[in-house]
């Protein structure tokens, strides 16, 4: 499966927050643990550099996030007699 990329620009709302918290609050990840995993796998760049999850976001930071989208599941309803 191919990976996708998402770019975020940090504004005043996320400035001062930890990287993992910022990714979650911005909606880039579904949870802090997912954000922490992506950072540990070096799939998150801040201003072109890898940072730790504890990195404090600063106004104007550019974040590039690379992730594999979840598999799509086709659910077919069962027709009960």
PDB file of N, CA and C in Angstrom:
ATOM      1  N   UNK A   1       0.843  -1.167   0.000  1.00  0.00           N
ATOM      2  CA  UNK A   1       0.000   0.000   0.000  1.00  0.00           C
ATOM      3  C   UNK A   1       0.896   1.242   0.000  1.00  0.00           C
ATOM      4  N   UNK A   2       0.511   2.246  -0.724  1.00  0.00           N
ATOM      5  CA  UNK A   2       1.323   3.456  -0.827  1.00  0.00           C
ATOM      6  C   UNK A   2       1.098   4.366   0.364  1.00  0.00           C
ATOM      7  N   UNK A   3       2.103   5.156   0.652  1.00  0.00           N
ATOM      8  CA  UNK A   3       1.980   6.093   1.769  1.00  0.00           C
ATOM      9  C   UNK A   3       1.512   7.450   1.252  1.00  0.00           C
ATOM     10  N   UNK A   4       0.947   8.213   2.160  1.00  0.00           N
ATOM     11  CA  UNK A   4       0.483   9.553   1.841  1.00  0.00           C
ATOM     12  C   UNK A   4       1.254  10.546   2.686  1.00  0.00           C
ATOM     13  N   UNK A   5       1.254  11.785   2.252  1.00  0.00           N
ATOM     14  CA  UNK A   5       1.940  12.843   3.002  1.00  0.00           C
ATOM     15  C   UNK A   5       0.961  13.959   3.315  1.00  0.00           C
ATOM     16  N   UNK A   6       1.158  14.536   4.480  1.00  0.00           N
ATOM     17  CA  UNK A   6       0.329  15.644   4.928  1.00  0.00           C
ATOM     18  C   UNK A   6       1.270  16.723   5.438  1.00  0.00           C
ATOM     19  N   UNK A   7       0.986  17.963   5.129  1.00  0.00           N
ATOM     20  CA  UNK A   7       1.808  19.081   5.585  1.00  0.00           C
ATOM     21  C   UNK A   7       0.987  19.971   6.509  1.00  0.00           C
ATOM     22  N   UNK A   8       1.588  20.367   7.612  1.00  0.00           N
ATOM     23  CA  UNK A   8       0.936  21.261   8.566  1.00  0.00           C
ATOM     24  C   UNK A   8       1.823  22.472   8.821  1.00  0.00           C
ATOM     25  N   UNK A   9       1.201  23.611   8.974  1.00  0.00           N
ATOM     26  CA  UNK A   9       1.926  24.819   9.362  1.00  0.00           C
ATOM     27  C   UNK A   9       1.414  25.207  10.743  1.00  0.00           C
ATOM     28  N   UNK A  10       2.314  25.407  11.683  1.00  0.00           N
ATOM     29  CA  UNK A  10       1.935  25.650  13.069  1.00  0.00           C
ATOM     30  C   UNK A  10       1.559  27.115  13.286  1.00  0.00           C
ATOM     31  N   UNK A  11       0.360  27.298  13.820  1.00  0.00           N
ATOM     32  CA  UNK A  11      -0.141  28.627  14.164  1.00  0.00           C
ATOM     33  C   UNK A  11      -0.086  28.848  15.661  1.00  0.00           C
ATOM     34  N   UNK A  12      -0.694  29.918  16.112  1.00  0.00           N
ATOM     35  CA  UNK A  12      -0.661  30.280  17.535  1.00  0.00           C
ATOM     36  C   UNK A  12      -1.310  29.228  18.417  1.00  0.00           C
ATOM     37  N   UNK A  13      -2.347  28.558  17.927  1.00  0.00           N
ATOM     38  CA  UNK A  13      -3.073  27.578  18.734  1.00  0.00           C
ATOM     39  C   UNK A  13      -2.181  26.425  19.174  1.00  0.00           C
ATOM     40  N   UNK A  14      -1.306  25.945  18.293  1.00  0.00           N
ATOM     41  CA  UNK A  14      -0.464  24.789  18.597  1.00  0.00           C
ATOM     42  C   UNK A  14       0.931  25.167  19.081  1.00  0.00           C
ATOM     43  N   UNK A  15       1.265  26.430  19.009  1.00  0.00           N
ATOM     44  CA  UNK A  15       2.582  26.879  19.449  1.00  0.00           C
ATOM     45  C   UNK A  15       2.766  26.596  20.938  1.00  0.00           C
ATOM     46  N   UNK A  16       3.895  25.967  21.289  1.00  0.00           N
ATOM     47  CA  UNK A  16       4.195  25.637  22.674  1.00  0.00           C
ATOM     48  C   UNK A  16       3.765  24.237  23.083  1.00  0.00           C
ATOM     49  N   UNK A  17       2.995  23.566  22.246  1.00  0.00           N
ATOM     50  CA  UNK A  17       2.563  22.197  22.548  1.00  0.00           C
ATOM     51  C   UNK A  17       3.617  21.202  22.092  1.00  0.00           C
ATOM     52  N   UNK A  18       3.604  20.017  22.725  1.00  0.00           N
ATOM     53  CA  UNK A  18       4.505  18.942  22.307  1.00  0.00           C
ATOM     54  C   UNK A  18       4.125  18.486  20.895  1.00  0.00           C
ATOM     55  N   UNK A  19       5.091  17.931  20.192  1.00  0.00           N
ATOM     56  CA  UNK A  19       4.873  17.467  18.822  1.00  0.00           C
ATOM     57  C   UNK A  19       3.743  16.447  18.743  1.00  0.00           C
ATOM     58  N   UNK A  20       3.749  15.444  19.635  1.00  0.00           N
ATOM     59  CA  UNK A  20       2.713  14.418  19.581  1.00  0.00           C
ATOM     60  C   UNK A  20       1.325  14.979  19.880  1.00  0.00           C
ATOM     61  N   UNK A  21       1.252  15.914  20.803  1.00  0.00           N
ATOM     62  CA  UNK A  21      -0.030  16.547  21.133  1.00  0.00           C
ATOM     63  C   UNK A  21      -0.505  17.397  19.954  1.00  0.00           C
ATOM     64  N   UNK A  22       0.408  18.148  19.363  1.00  0.00           N
ATOM     65  CA  UNK A  22       0.059  19.003  18.228  1.00  0.00           C
ATOM     66  C   UNK A  22      -0.479  18.216  17.046  1.00  0.00           C
ATOM     67  N   UNK A  23       0.145  17.077  16.750  1.00  0.00           N
ATOM     68  CA  UNK A  23      -0.335  16.248  15.644  1.00  0.00           C
ATOM     69  C   UNK A  23      -1.746  15.738  15.905  1.00  0.00           C
ATOM     70  N   UNK A  24      -2.027  15.403  17.164  1.00  0.00           N
ATOM     71  CA  UNK A  24      -3.342  14.887  17.516  1.00  0.00           C
ATOM     72  C   UNK A  24      -4.393  15.992  17.496  1.00  0.00           C
ATOM     73  N   UNK A  25      -4.077  17.131  18.098  1.00  0.00           N
ATOM     74  CA  UNK A  25      -5.021  18.251  18.143  1.00  0.00           C
ATOM     75  C   UNK A  25      -5.331  18.755  16.735  1.00  0.00           C
ATOM     76  N   UNK A  26      -4.336  18.766  15.862  1.00  0.00           N
ATOM     77  CA  UNK A  26      -4.532  19.227  14.487  1.00  0.00           C
ATOM     78  C   UNK A  26      -5.319  18.227  13.642  1.00  0.00           C
ATOM     79  N   UNK A  27      -5.525  17.025  14.170  1.00  0.00           N
ATOM     80  CA  UNK A  27      -6.279  16.013  13.429  1.00  0.00           C
ATOM     81  C   UNK A  27      -5.441  15.210  12.461  1.00  0.00           C
ATOM     82  N   UNK A  28      -4.121  15.358  12.544  1.00  0.00           N
ATOM     83  CA  UNK A  28      -3.243  14.612  11.646  1.00  0.00           C
ATOM     84  C   UNK A  28      -3.142  13.145  12.054  1.00  0.00           C
ATOM     85  N   UNK A  29      -3.336  12.874  13.358  1.00  0.00           N
ATOM     86  CA  UNK A  29      -3.353  11.499  13.863  1.00  0.00           C
ATOM     87  C   UNK A  29      -4.586  11.332  14.739  1.00  0.00           C
ATOM     88  N   UNK A  30      -4.963  10.079  14.957  1.00  0.00           N
ATOM     89  CA  UNK A  30      -6.160   9.811  15.756  1.00  0.00           C
ATOM     90  C   UNK A  30      -5.867   9.779  17.248  1.00  0.00           C
ATOM     91  N   UNK A  31      -4.608   9.565  17.619  1.00  0.00           N
ATOM     92  CA  UNK A  31      -4.253   9.492  19.034  1.00  0.00           C
ATOM     93  C   UNK A  31      -2.803   9.919  19.231  1.00  0.00           C
ATOM     94  N   UNK A  32      -2.467  10.236  20.490  1.00  0.00           N
ATOM     95  CA  UNK A  32      -1.076  10.577  20.788  1.00  0.00           C
ATOM     96  C   UNK A  32      -0.165   9.388  20.568  1.00  0.00           C
ATOM     97  N   UNK A  33      -0.653   8.182  20.888  1.00  0.00           N
ATOM     98  CA  UNK A  33       0.194   6.997  20.699  1.00  0.00           C
ATOM     99  C   UNK A  33       0.489   6.771  19.224  1.00  0.00           C
ATOM    100  N   UNK A  34      -0.477   7.060  18.356  1.00  0.00           N
ATOM    101  CA  UNK A  34      -0.227   6.941  16.918  1.00  0.00           C
ATOM    102  C   UNK A  34       0.801   7.983  16.482  1.00  0.00           C
ATOM    103  N   UNK A  35       0.700   9.191  17.003  1.00  0.00           N
ATOM    104  CA  UNK A  35       1.667  10.248  16.690  1.00  0.00           C
ATOM    105  C   UNK A  35       3.056   9.853  17.182  1.00  0.00           C
ATOM    106  N   UNK A  36       3.131   9.305  18.398  1.00  0.00           N
ATOM    107  CA  UNK A  36       4.420   8.881  18.953  1.00  0.00           C
ATOM    108  C   UNK A  36       5.049   7.778  18.117  1.00  0.00           C
ATOM    109  N   UNK A  37       4.233   6.862  17.627  1.00  0.00           N
ATOM    110  CA  UNK A  37       4.740   5.771  16.793  1.00  0.00           C
ATOM    111  C   UNK A  37       5.309   6.318  15.483  1.00  0.00           C
ATOM    112  N   UNK A  38       4.598   7.250  14.847  1.00  0.00           N
ATOM    113  CA  UNK A  38       5.081   7.833  13.593  1.00  0.00           C
ATOM    114  C   UNK A  38       6.391   8.593  13.807  1.00  0.00           C
ATOM    115  N   UNK A  39       6.502   9.299  14.926  1.00  0.00           N
ATOM    116  CA  UNK A  39       7.742  10.028  15.230  1.00  0.00           C
ATOM    117  C   UNK A  39       8.881   9.035  15.451  1.00  0.00           C
ATOM    118  N   UNK A  40       8.616   7.948  16.198  1.00  0.00           N
ATOM    119  CA  UNK A  40       9.638   6.931  16.463  1.00  0.00           C
ATOM    120  C   UNK A  40      10.099   6.249  15.175  1.00  0.00           C
ATOM    121  N   UNK A  41       9.173   6.099  14.208  1.00  0.00           N
ATOM    122  CA  UNK A  41       9.497   5.473  12.925  1.00  0.00           C
ATOM    123  C   UNK A  41      10.124   6.471  11.945  1.00  0.00           C
ATOM    124  N   UNK A  42      10.377   7.695  12.433  1.00  0.00           N
ATOM    125  CA  UNK A  42      10.967   8.771  11.621  1.00  0.00           C
ATOM    126  C   UNK A  42      10.143   9.065  10.370  1.00  0.00           C
ATOM    127  N   UNK A  43       8.839   9.202  10.586  1.00  0.00           N
ATOM    128  CA  UNK A  43       7.921   9.547   9.510  1.00  0.00           C
ATOM    129  C   UNK A  43       7.347  10.947   9.698  1.00  0.00           C
ATOM    130  N   UNK A  44       7.959  11.706  10.626  1.00  0.00           N
ATOM    131  CA  UNK A  44       7.527  13.076  10.887  1.00  0.00           C
ATOM    132  C   UNK A  44       8.762  13.982  10.853  1.00  0.00           C
ATOM    133  N   UNK A  45       8.698  15.036  10.045  1.00  0.00           N
ATOM    134  CA  UNK A  45       9.780  16.003   9.952  1.00  0.00           C
ATOM    135  C   UNK A  45       9.256  17.358  10.402  1.00  0.00           C
ATOM    136  N   UNK A  46      10.061  18.065  11.176  1.00  0.00           N
ATOM    137  CA  UNK A  46       9.736  19.434  11.572  1.00  0.00           C
ATOM    138  C   UNK A  46      10.812  20.321  10.967  1.00  0.00           C
ATOM    139  N   UNK A  47      10.406  21.196  10.067  1.00  0.00           N
ATOM    140  CA  UNK A  47      11.343  22.078   9.363  1.00  0.00           C
ATOM    141  C   UNK A  47      12.475  21.279   8.712  1.00  0.00           C
ATOM    142  N   UNK A  48      12.136  20.100   8.164  1.00  0.00           N
ATOM    143  CA  UNK A  48      13.106  19.276   7.461  1.00  0.00           C
ATOM    144  C   UNK A  48      13.980  18.405   8.342  1.00  0.00           C
ATOM    145  N   UNK A  49      13.749  18.417   9.647  1.00  0.00           N
ATOM    146  CA  UNK A  49      14.561  17.643  10.594  1.00  0.00           C
ATOM    147  C   UNK A  49      13.667  16.684  11.380  1.00  0.00           C
ATOM    148  N   UNK A  50      14.232  15.545  11.789  1.00  0.00           N
ATOM    149  CA  UNK A  50      13.515  14.646  12.685  1.00  0.00           C
ATOM    150  C   UNK A  50      13.617  15.214  14.094  1.00  0.00           C
ATOM    151  N   UNK A  51      12.518  15.199  14.817  1.00  0.00           N
ATOM    152  CA  UNK A  51      12.504  15.696  16.197  1.00  0.00           C
ATOM    153  C   UNK A  51      11.927  14.623  17.113  1.00  0.00           C
ATOM    154  N   UNK A  52      12.158  14.779  18.411  1.00  0.00           N
ATOM    155  CA  UNK A  52      11.587  13.878  19.411  1.00  0.00           C
ATOM    156  C   UNK A  52      10.126  14.265  19.654  1.00  0.00           C
ATOM    157  N   UNK A  53       9.357  13.338  20.237  1.00  0.00           N
ATOM    158  CA  UNK A  53       7.948  13.626  20.525  1.00  0.00           C
ATOM    159  C   UNK A  53       7.818  14.781  21.516  1.00  0.00           C
ATOM    160  N   UNK A  54       8.834  15.011  22.318  1.00  0.00           N
ATOM    161  CA  UNK A  54       8.782  16.071  23.324  1.00  0.00           C
ATOM    162  C   UNK A  54       9.113  17.454  22.749  1.00  0.00           C
ATOM    163  N   UNK A  55       9.438  17.524  21.457  1.00  0.00           N
ATOM    164  CA  UNK A  55       9.760  18.808  20.818  1.00  0.00           C
ATOM    165  C   UNK A  55       8.592  19.772  21.005  1.00  0.00           C
ATOM    166  N   UNK A  56       8.889  20.990  21.441  1.00  0.00           N
ATOM    167  CA  UNK A  56       7.860  22.018  21.615  1.00  0.00           C
ATOM    168  C   UNK A  56       7.685  22.767  20.293  1.00  0.00           C
ATOM    169  N   UNK A  57       6.481  22.716  19.772  1.00  0.00           N
ATOM    170  CA  UNK A  57       6.178  23.371  18.503  1.00  0.00           C
ATOM    171  C   UNK A  57       6.302  24.885  18.644  1.00  0.00           C
ATOM    172  N   UNK A  58       6.757  25.512  17.554  1.00  0.00           N
ATOM    173  CA  UNK A  58       6.927  26.958  17.540  1.00  0.00           C
ATOM    174  C   UNK A  58       6.122  27.539  16.392  1.00  0.00           C
ATOM    175  N   UNK A  59       5.691  28.757  16.559  1.00  0.00           N
ATOM    176  CA  UNK A  59       4.917  29.452  15.549  1.00  0.00           C
ATOM    177  C   UNK A  59       5.680  29.444  14.224  1.00  0.00           C
ATOM    178  N   UNK A  60       5.038  28.985  13.160  1.00  0.00           N
ATOM    179  CA  UNK A  60       5.659  28.957  11.843  1.00  0.00           C
ATOM    180  C   UNK A  60       6.351  27.655  11.486  1.00  0.00           C
ATOM    181  N   UNK A  61       6.444  26.719  12.439  1.00  0.00           N
ATOM    182  CA  UNK A  61       7.043  25.412  12.124  1.00  0.00           C
ATOM    183  C   UNK A  61       6.268  24.744  10.991  1.00  0.00           C
ATOM    184  N   UNK A  62       6.992  24.078  10.117  1.00  0.00           N
ATOM    185  CA  UNK A  62       6.386  23.305   9.031  1.00  0.00           C
ATOM    186  C   UNK A  62       6.582  21.825   9.337  1.00  0.00           C
ATOM    187  N   UNK A  63       5.490  21.085   9.406  1.00  0.00           N
ATOM    188  CA  UNK A  63       5.548  19.657   9.718  1.00  0.00           C
ATOM    189  C   UNK A  63       5.140  18.868   8.493  1.00  0.00           C
ATOM    190  N   UNK A  64       5.955  17.873   8.161  1.00  0.00           N
ATOM    191  CA  UNK A  64       5.637  16.941   7.080  1.00  0.00           C
ATOM    192  C   UNK A  64       5.437  15.581   7.719  1.00  0.00           C
ATOM    193  N   UNK A  65       4.300  14.971   7.449  1.00  0.00           N
ATOM    194  CA  UNK A  65       3.910  13.709   8.054  1.00  0.00           C
ATOM    195  C   UNK A  65       3.684  12.690   6.950  1.00  0.00           C
ATOM    196  N   UNK A  66       4.327  11.544   7.066  1.00  0.00           N
ATOM    197  CA  UNK A  66       4.152  10.462   6.088  1.00  0.00           C
ATOM    198  C   UNK A  66       3.480   9.285   6.789  1.00  0.00           C
ATOM    199  N   UNK A  67       2.388   8.797   6.214  1.00  0.00           N
ATOM    200  CA  UNK A  67       1.653   7.708   6.850  1.00  0.00           C
ATOM    201  C   UNK A  67       1.000   6.815   5.803  1.00  0.00           C
ATOM    202  N   UNK A  68       0.661   5.623   6.233  1.00  0.00           N
ATOM    203  CA  UNK A  68      -0.062   4.690   5.386  1.00  0.00           C
ATOM    204  C   UNK A  68      -1.532   4.763   5.786  1.00  0.00           C
ATOM    205  N   UNK A  69      -2.401   5.121   4.849  1.00  0.00           N
ATOM    206  CA  UNK A  69      -3.819   5.221   5.200  1.00  0.00           C
ATOM    207  C   UNK A  69      -4.384   3.849   5.566  1.00  0.00           C
ATOM    208  N   UNK A  70      -5.387   3.822   6.432  1.00  0.00           N
ATOM    209  CA  UNK A  70      -5.971   2.532   6.804  1.00  0.00           C
ATOM    210  C   UNK A  70      -6.623   1.847   5.607  1.00  0.00           C
ATOM    211  N   UNK A  71      -6.636   0.523   5.657  1.00  0.00           N
ATOM    212  CA  UNK A  71      -7.274  -0.234   4.586  1.00  0.00           C
ATOM    213  C   UNK A  71      -8.769   0.017   4.598  1.00  0.00           C
ATOM    214  N   UNK A  72      -9.342   0.138   3.425  1.00  0.00           N
ATOM    215  CA  UNK A  72     -10.784   0.317   3.316  1.00  0.00           C
ATOM    216  C   UNK A  72     -11.457  -1.050   3.372  1.00  0.00           C
ATOM    217  N   UNK A  73     -12.477  -1.114   4.173  1.00  0.00           N
ATOM    218  CA  UNK A  73     -13.211  -2.369   4.329  1.00  0.00           C
ATOM    219  C   UNK A  73     -14.614  -2.176   3.774  1.00  0.00           C
ATOM    220  N   UNK A  74     -14.989  -3.048   2.876  1.00  0.00           N
ATOM    221  CA  UNK A  74     -16.339  -3.008   2.342  1.00  0.00           C
ATOM    222  C   UNK A  74     -17.220  -3.924   3.172  1.00  0.00           C
ATOM    223  N   UNK A  75     -18.169  -3.329   3.864  1.00  0.00           N
ATOM    224  CA  UNK A  75     -19.096  -4.106   4.670  1.00  0.00           C
ATOM    225  C   UNK A  75     -20.385  -4.306   3.885  1.00  0.00           C
ATOM    226  N   UNK A  76     -20.810  -5.547   3.832  1.00  0.00           N
ATOM    227  CA  UNK A  76     -22.044  -5.884   3.136  1.00  0.00           C
ATOM    228  C   UNK A  76     -23.032  -6.369   4.179  1.00  0.00           C
ATOM    229  N   UNK A  77     -24.194  -5.727   4.274  1.00  0.00           N
ATOM    230  CA  UNK A  77     -25.152  -6.158   5.281  1.00  0.00           C
ATOM    231  C   UNK A  77     -25.694  -7.560   4.968  1.00  0.00           C
ATOM    232  N   UNK A  78     -25.894  -8.309   6.019  1.00  0.00           N
ATOM    233  CA  UNK A  78     -26.442  -9.653   5.879  1.00  0.00           C
ATOM    234  C   UNK A  78     -27.958  -9.566   5.979  1.00  0.00           C
ATOM    235  N   UNK A  79     -28.635 -10.165   5.060  1.00  0.00           N
ATOM    236  CA  UNK A  79     -30.098 -10.147   5.041  1.00  0.00           C
ATOM    237  C   UNK A  79     -30.611 -11.330   5.869  1.00  0.00           C
ATOM    238  N   UNK A  80     -31.026 -11.024   7.108  1.00  0.00           N
ATOM    239  CA  UNK A  80     -31.536 -12.071   7.986  1.00  0.00           C
ATOM    240  C   UNK A  80     -32.946 -12.465   7.553  1.00  0.00           C
ATOM    241  N   UNK A  81     -33.229 -13.756   7.588  1.00  0.00           N
ATOM    242  CA  UNK A  81     -34.590 -14.200   7.196  1.00  0.00           C
ATOM    243  C   UNK A  81     -35.621 -13.834   8.246  1.00  0.00           C
TER     244      UNK A  81
END
